Protein backbone atom coordinates (compact mmCIF):
# COMPACT_ATOMS: atom_id res chain seq x y z
CA MET A 1 -5.60 24.54 -60.89
CA ASN A 2 -8.21 24.65 -63.33
CA PHE A 3 -10.56 27.99 -63.97
CA THR A 4 -12.87 26.77 -67.11
CA SER A 5 -15.28 28.35 -65.69
CA LEU A 6 -14.30 31.79 -64.87
CA ILE A 7 -14.20 34.74 -66.65
CA MET A 8 -10.57 35.43 -69.35
CA SER A 9 -9.52 38.64 -70.74
CA VAL A 10 -5.91 37.90 -73.14
CA ARG A 11 -3.85 40.62 -73.81
CA SER A 12 -0.01 41.70 -74.61
CA PHE A 13 2.60 40.44 -72.55
CA ASP A 14 4.38 43.59 -70.05
CA TRP A 15 6.77 44.23 -67.62
CA ARG A 16 4.21 42.82 -64.84
CA ASP A 17 4.38 39.64 -66.09
CA ILE A 18 8.16 38.84 -65.91
CA PRO A 19 7.77 36.89 -61.72
CA ALA A 20 4.95 34.34 -63.51
CA LEU A 21 7.47 33.88 -66.46
CA ILE A 22 10.25 32.91 -64.57
CA LYS A 23 7.95 31.18 -62.30
CA PHE A 24 6.71 28.90 -64.64
CA ARG A 25 10.26 28.52 -66.67
CA ASN A 26 10.43 24.92 -65.68
CA GLN A 27 6.34 24.12 -65.59
CA SER A 28 6.55 25.18 -70.00
CA VAL A 29 5.63 22.98 -73.23
CA PHE A 30 8.18 24.03 -75.99
CA LEU A 31 6.31 23.67 -79.33
CA ASP A 32 9.67 24.99 -81.43
CA SER A 33 12.19 22.34 -82.02
CA ALA A 34 14.65 24.36 -83.80
CA LEU A 35 14.56 27.15 -81.92
CA VAL A 36 14.63 25.73 -78.17
CA LEU A 37 17.39 22.94 -79.55
CA THR A 38 19.96 25.88 -81.18
CA ARG A 39 19.18 28.90 -79.11
CA GLY A 40 17.67 27.84 -75.99
CA PRO A 41 14.17 28.77 -74.68
CA LEU A 42 14.79 32.56 -74.57
CA MET A 43 11.70 33.04 -72.94
CA VAL A 44 12.15 36.15 -71.00
CA PRO A 45 14.42 37.71 -73.50
CA GLY A 46 12.02 36.83 -76.29
CA SER A 47 9.26 37.90 -74.28
CA LEU A 48 10.71 40.82 -73.26
CA LEU A 49 12.04 41.75 -77.65
CA SER A 50 7.48 41.09 -77.35
CA TYR A 51 7.20 44.02 -75.02
CA ILE A 52 10.18 46.54 -76.23
CA ALA A 53 9.37 45.99 -80.02
CA PRO A 54 6.03 45.13 -81.17
CA ASN A 55 6.99 44.97 -84.67
CA VAL A 56 9.69 42.22 -85.07
CA GLY A 57 7.26 39.85 -85.07
CA VAL A 58 7.81 38.18 -81.88
CA GLN A 59 4.02 38.39 -79.84
CA THR A 60 4.29 36.78 -76.40
CA SER A 61 0.38 37.29 -74.88
CA VAL A 62 -1.23 36.94 -71.49
CA ALA A 63 -4.27 34.93 -70.55
CA ILE A 64 -5.35 36.35 -67.17
CA SER A 65 -8.50 34.43 -65.10
CA ASP A 66 -10.31 38.29 -63.90
CA GLU A 67 -11.54 36.21 -60.43
CA SER A 68 -7.89 33.99 -59.45
CA LYS A 69 -5.92 36.21 -61.18
CA GLN A 70 -3.84 33.26 -62.52
CA LYS A 71 -1.71 33.27 -65.86
CA LEU A 72 -1.35 31.40 -69.38
CA ILE A 73 0.99 32.81 -71.09
CA GLY A 74 1.71 31.75 -74.59
CA GLN A 75 4.52 33.07 -78.03
CA SER A 76 4.33 33.15 -81.31
CA ILE A 77 6.99 33.99 -83.52
CA HIS A 78 6.75 35.83 -87.23
CA ASN A 79 9.71 36.13 -89.86
CA SER A 80 8.39 38.94 -92.15
CA GLY A 81 7.02 37.89 -95.64
CA SER A 82 6.61 33.95 -94.51
CA GLN A 83 3.81 32.51 -94.75
CA PHE A 84 3.30 31.02 -91.45
CA SER A 85 4.10 31.77 -87.73
CA HIS A 86 5.10 29.31 -85.29
CA LEU A 87 4.24 28.62 -81.47
CA THR A 88 7.31 28.75 -79.40
CA PHE A 89 5.99 27.97 -75.56
CA LEU A 90 2.81 27.74 -73.72
CA SER A 91 3.47 27.87 -69.55
CA PRO A 92 2.47 26.59 -66.90
CA GLU A 93 1.27 23.25 -68.59
CA SER A 94 -0.67 22.57 -65.62
CA ALA A 95 -3.42 25.27 -67.22
CA LEU A 96 -3.18 23.85 -70.74
CA ASP A 97 -6.94 22.65 -69.55
CA SER A 98 -8.31 25.31 -68.68
CA LEU A 99 -10.56 28.26 -70.57
CA GLY A 100 -7.07 30.55 -71.06
CA LEU A 101 -5.91 28.52 -73.68
CA PRO A 102 -8.23 28.64 -76.78
CA ALA A 103 -8.65 32.65 -75.82
CA LEU A 104 -4.46 32.85 -75.62
CA LEU A 105 -4.09 30.63 -78.93
CA GLU A 106 -6.92 33.01 -81.16
CA ASN A 107 -5.24 36.06 -79.66
CA LEU A 108 -2.08 34.73 -81.35
CA ALA A 109 -3.27 33.84 -84.61
CA LYS A 110 -5.39 36.89 -84.28
CA HIS A 111 -1.75 38.77 -84.65
CA SER A 112 -0.68 36.67 -86.70
CA GLY A 113 -3.09 37.02 -89.18
CA GLU A 114 -2.42 41.04 -88.93
CA ARG A 115 0.93 40.50 -89.24
CA GLY A 116 0.22 38.16 -93.16
CA ALA A 117 0.55 34.31 -91.35
CA LEU A 118 -1.56 32.04 -93.27
CA ARG A 119 -1.32 29.38 -90.80
CA LEU A 120 0.30 29.06 -87.33
CA LEU A 121 2.44 26.28 -86.67
CA ALA A 122 3.47 23.64 -83.36
CA GLU A 123 5.50 21.28 -82.53
CA VAL A 124 4.60 19.06 -80.37
CA ASP A 125 5.15 15.17 -78.30
CA GLU A 126 2.40 13.08 -79.28
CA GLU A 127 1.83 11.55 -74.90
CA THR A 128 1.55 15.29 -73.48
CA LEU A 129 -1.46 16.76 -72.64
CA ALA A 130 -0.70 20.45 -75.30
CA PHE A 131 -1.38 17.46 -77.75
CA GLU A 132 -4.86 16.87 -77.33
CA MET A 133 -5.74 20.53 -76.15
CA LEU A 134 -4.13 21.80 -79.69
CA ARG A 135 -6.21 18.95 -81.22
CA GLN A 136 -9.37 20.88 -79.49
CA ALA A 137 -7.99 23.78 -80.42
CA SER A 138 -8.40 23.29 -84.55
CA PHE A 139 -4.83 22.07 -84.69
CA ALA A 140 -4.34 19.14 -87.27
CA ILE A 141 -1.76 16.75 -87.63
CA TYR A 142 0.24 17.41 -91.13
CA SER A 143 3.26 15.31 -90.44
CA ARG A 144 5.47 13.44 -88.30
CA GLN A 145 8.64 13.89 -87.41
CA ARG A 146 11.88 12.33 -84.38
CA ILE A 147 14.56 13.99 -83.92
CA TRP A 148 17.97 12.45 -83.30
CA ARG A 149 21.02 13.94 -81.23
CA MET A 150 24.34 13.07 -82.25
CA ASN A 151 27.07 13.87 -79.25
CA ALA A 152 29.58 16.57 -79.76
CA GLY A 153 32.59 16.24 -81.22
CA ALA A 154 34.21 14.72 -84.01
CA ASN A 155 37.03 12.88 -84.93
CA GLU A 156 40.40 14.52 -85.70
CA GLU A 157 41.17 13.26 -89.02
CA LYS A 158 38.10 13.88 -91.33
CA PRO A 159 37.61 12.38 -94.37
CA ALA A 160 37.37 13.32 -98.01
CA ASN A 161 35.01 15.82 -98.19
CA MET A 162 31.55 15.02 -100.46
CA TRP A 163 29.43 17.49 -99.20
CA ARG A 164 29.69 21.61 -100.10
CA MET A 165 27.86 24.29 -98.82
CA ALA A 166 24.20 25.01 -101.62
CA ASN A 167 24.33 28.40 -103.35
CA SER A 168 21.54 30.11 -105.66
CA ARG A 169 22.66 27.78 -108.27
CA ASP A 170 21.55 25.12 -107.02
CA LEU A 171 18.21 26.33 -106.24
CA ILE A 172 16.09 24.64 -109.35
CA ALA A 173 17.80 20.91 -108.02
CA ILE A 174 16.83 21.68 -104.48
CA ARG A 175 13.71 22.58 -105.53
CA SER A 176 13.00 19.66 -107.92
CA LEU A 177 14.50 17.02 -104.86
CA TYR A 178 11.53 18.67 -102.38
CA ASN A 179 9.01 18.76 -104.62
CA ASN A 180 9.72 15.51 -105.15
CA LEU A 181 10.28 14.20 -101.82
CA VAL A 182 8.19 16.40 -99.75
CA PRO A 183 3.98 15.00 -100.02
CA GLY A 184 0.93 17.70 -101.26
CA LEU A 185 -0.28 18.07 -97.80
CA VAL A 186 3.01 19.05 -96.18
CA GLN A 187 4.12 21.66 -99.40
CA GLN A 188 0.89 23.09 -99.13
CA VAL A 189 1.84 24.21 -95.54
CA GLU A 190 5.41 24.92 -96.20
CA PRO A 191 6.20 25.51 -99.56
CA TYR A 192 9.72 25.80 -100.37
CA SER A 193 11.10 29.14 -99.59
CA THR A 194 12.27 31.13 -103.08
CA GLN A 195 14.94 32.50 -100.53
CA ASN A 196 18.99 30.99 -100.83
CA PRO A 197 19.38 27.81 -99.87
CA GLN A 198 20.29 27.43 -95.92
CA GLY A 199 22.29 24.10 -95.77
CA LEU A 200 24.67 21.22 -97.91
CA ILE A 201 24.59 19.30 -100.96
CA TYR A 202 25.42 16.43 -102.52
CA TYR A 203 25.79 14.81 -105.94
CA GLN A 204 26.50 12.22 -107.19
CA ASP A 205 27.31 11.70 -111.53
CA GLY A 206 25.75 15.33 -111.84
CA GLU A 207 22.49 14.57 -110.09
CA LEU A 208 21.63 16.14 -106.90
CA LEU A 209 20.59 13.18 -104.61
CA ALA A 210 20.37 15.18 -100.77
CA TYR A 211 20.22 18.62 -99.50
CA VAL A 212 19.95 19.07 -95.69
CA GLU A 213 18.64 22.47 -94.14
CA VAL A 214 21.39 23.47 -91.64
CA LYS A 215 20.54 26.12 -88.70
CA TYR A 216 23.25 27.21 -86.22
CA GLY A 217 22.90 28.51 -82.31
CA HIS A 218 25.10 28.46 -79.64
CA GLN A 219 23.43 25.46 -77.92
CA GLY A 220 23.52 23.07 -81.25
CA ILE A 221 23.30 22.75 -84.91
CA TRP A 222 19.81 21.83 -86.77
CA ALA A 223 19.88 19.08 -89.74
CA GLN A 224 17.19 18.36 -91.67
CA PRO A 225 17.63 16.05 -94.65
CA PHE A 226 15.78 15.86 -97.94
CA VAL A 227 17.60 12.46 -99.38
CA HIS A 228 16.78 10.64 -102.94
CA PRO A 229 16.30 7.17 -102.37
CA ASP A 230 18.79 6.50 -105.21
CA ALA A 231 21.31 7.78 -102.87
CA GLU A 232 23.66 4.85 -102.09
CA ASP A 233 25.33 3.80 -99.04
CA VAL A 234 23.00 6.73 -96.65
CA ALA A 235 25.09 5.63 -93.70
CA LEU A 236 28.42 6.75 -94.85
CA CYS A 237 27.27 10.02 -96.34
CA LEU A 238 25.47 10.92 -93.17
CA PHE A 239 28.53 10.19 -91.35
CA ASN A 240 30.54 12.19 -94.07
CA LEU A 241 28.69 15.48 -93.60
CA MET A 242 28.45 14.73 -89.70
CA GLN A 243 32.60 15.03 -89.78
CA ASN A 244 32.83 17.62 -92.34
CA LEU A 245 30.05 19.68 -90.72
CA PRO A 246 31.31 23.65 -91.00
CA TYR A 247 31.67 25.72 -87.80
CA ARG A 248 30.56 22.63 -85.86
CA GLY A 249 33.02 22.71 -83.44
CA SER A 250 31.71 20.89 -79.83
CA ARG A 251 28.35 21.65 -80.07
CA PRO A 252 25.79 18.94 -80.96
CA VAL A 253 24.09 18.36 -84.38
CA TYR A 254 20.20 17.36 -83.38
CA ILE A 255 18.97 15.59 -87.25
CA CYS A 256 15.20 16.02 -87.33
CA ILE A 257 13.48 12.91 -89.81
CA ARG A 258 10.31 13.53 -90.91
CA SER A 259 7.18 10.86 -91.34
CA TYR A 260 7.80 10.99 -95.53
CA GLN A 261 12.12 10.09 -94.89
CA SER A 262 11.71 7.36 -91.91
CA TRP A 263 13.60 5.48 -94.12
CA LEU A 264 16.58 7.17 -93.42
CA GLU A 265 16.04 6.12 -89.50
CA SER A 266 18.01 3.13 -89.52
CA ALA A 267 21.07 4.67 -91.45
CA ILE A 268 20.75 7.44 -88.41
CA GLN A 269 20.87 4.45 -85.86
CA GLU A 270 24.08 3.47 -87.35
CA LEU A 271 25.65 6.69 -86.47
CA GLU A 272 24.65 6.23 -82.65
CA ALA A 273 22.46 8.69 -82.39
CA GLU A 274 19.90 9.20 -78.96
CA PRO A 275 16.37 9.43 -80.65
CA GLY A 276 13.78 11.62 -79.09
CA PRO A 277 10.28 11.09 -78.74
CA ARG A 278 7.74 11.03 -81.91
CA GLN A 279 5.89 14.58 -82.14
CA SER A 280 3.19 15.91 -84.58
CA VAL A 281 3.60 18.62 -86.57
CA MET A 282 0.68 20.84 -86.55
CA VAL A 283 -0.73 23.43 -88.52
CA LYS A 284 -4.32 25.95 -87.81
CA HIS A 285 -5.19 27.53 -90.62
CA LEU A 286 -5.95 31.33 -90.77
CA ALA A 287 -7.46 32.14 -93.70
CA VAL A 288 -9.52 29.97 -96.35
CA ALA A 289 -8.17 29.27 -99.44
CA GLN A 290 -10.38 30.69 -102.46
CA LYS A 291 -9.80 30.92 -106.10
CA ALA A 292 -9.21 33.69 -107.74
CA PHE A 293 -10.98 34.65 -110.88
CA LYS A 294 -9.26 37.13 -112.76
CA VAL A 295 -11.21 39.27 -114.98
CA PHE A 296 -10.61 40.37 -118.65
CA SER A 297 -12.06 43.97 -120.36
CA LEU A 298 -12.77 43.35 -124.12
CA PRO A 299 -11.50 47.09 -125.76
CA ALA A 300 -14.30 48.23 -127.82
CA LEU A 301 -14.41 47.92 -131.52
CA GLU A 302 -15.65 51.06 -133.23
CA GLY A 303 -16.34 53.26 -130.32
CA GLY A 304 -18.92 50.78 -129.37
CA HIS A 305 -19.25 48.19 -126.21
CA PRO A 306 -17.45 45.08 -126.52
CA GLU A 307 -19.61 41.94 -126.93
CA VAL A 308 -18.58 38.78 -125.49
CA SER A 309 -18.03 36.87 -128.18
CA ALA A 310 -15.80 40.05 -129.96
CA PRO A 311 -12.65 38.76 -130.97
CA MET A 312 -9.31 39.72 -129.41
CA ALA A 313 -7.74 41.50 -132.53
CA ARG A 314 -9.42 44.78 -133.64
CA SER A 315 -11.00 44.42 -137.32
CA GLU A 316 -11.35 47.51 -139.80
CA SER A 317 -14.11 47.67 -142.21
CA LYS A 318 -12.80 48.43 -145.62
């Protein structure tokens, strides 16, 4: 039902919304690919967590038509200290063209901003209503991506491992690789984290040529590669990675290829991976960047007042 002409109210999720959330579980749009592919939708557990422990960074909000009482539910997650929050789902999809969506997104943005987030992110398939509605809600595209699925299982005989786990000593090399490969527009939204790297690295002749960020979940493994164009036989490198990926077990591996690394897709195809739909990676800015001017106070000379032209070093009269 479209209720664009009705008055809306927005509030935080509570126990009264559980039946609606269960009803909408197969009518939802998921906007955090890494989360849903590695850990599953987590709609009900995440929403209950936001209700029981609202300070953990999970915010679930509900927009309600004051006349029809129809609900539109959305959720965002903000990790403490992060510069951005991420939309996780909107539900049901049939209500995304209603007046409830702008009000719901503003509520989630408000909560994110109060936690210190500067941006609100979302990943959405381009051939969907959600994509058009997010654009109308001031979300802008800053990159595109396609997710490839590597089927579960690996050969019993593993080749010699060309990769190793990254550690804090690799941080400078990884940051340099990231800065050289990732466009400035993307870096403004997703600056490289200063925390310890979570992934695997590949060196050749003492030079870092590839870093793969890895996220683990009970339903799958997420891998996002950053590969230098000088790397040789990329298909072999990625095959070696898949065969030696730590703790893989029988879980599928999802490889996220951003548009600025699209040349990797031919190598991924050689591994017989299954391509997903193209997605837009979108951002809604929650703050306006401004230059900060630092005020420098000049020391008083001989007990008087400082002059604009006074030197920084104190002088004495003989």
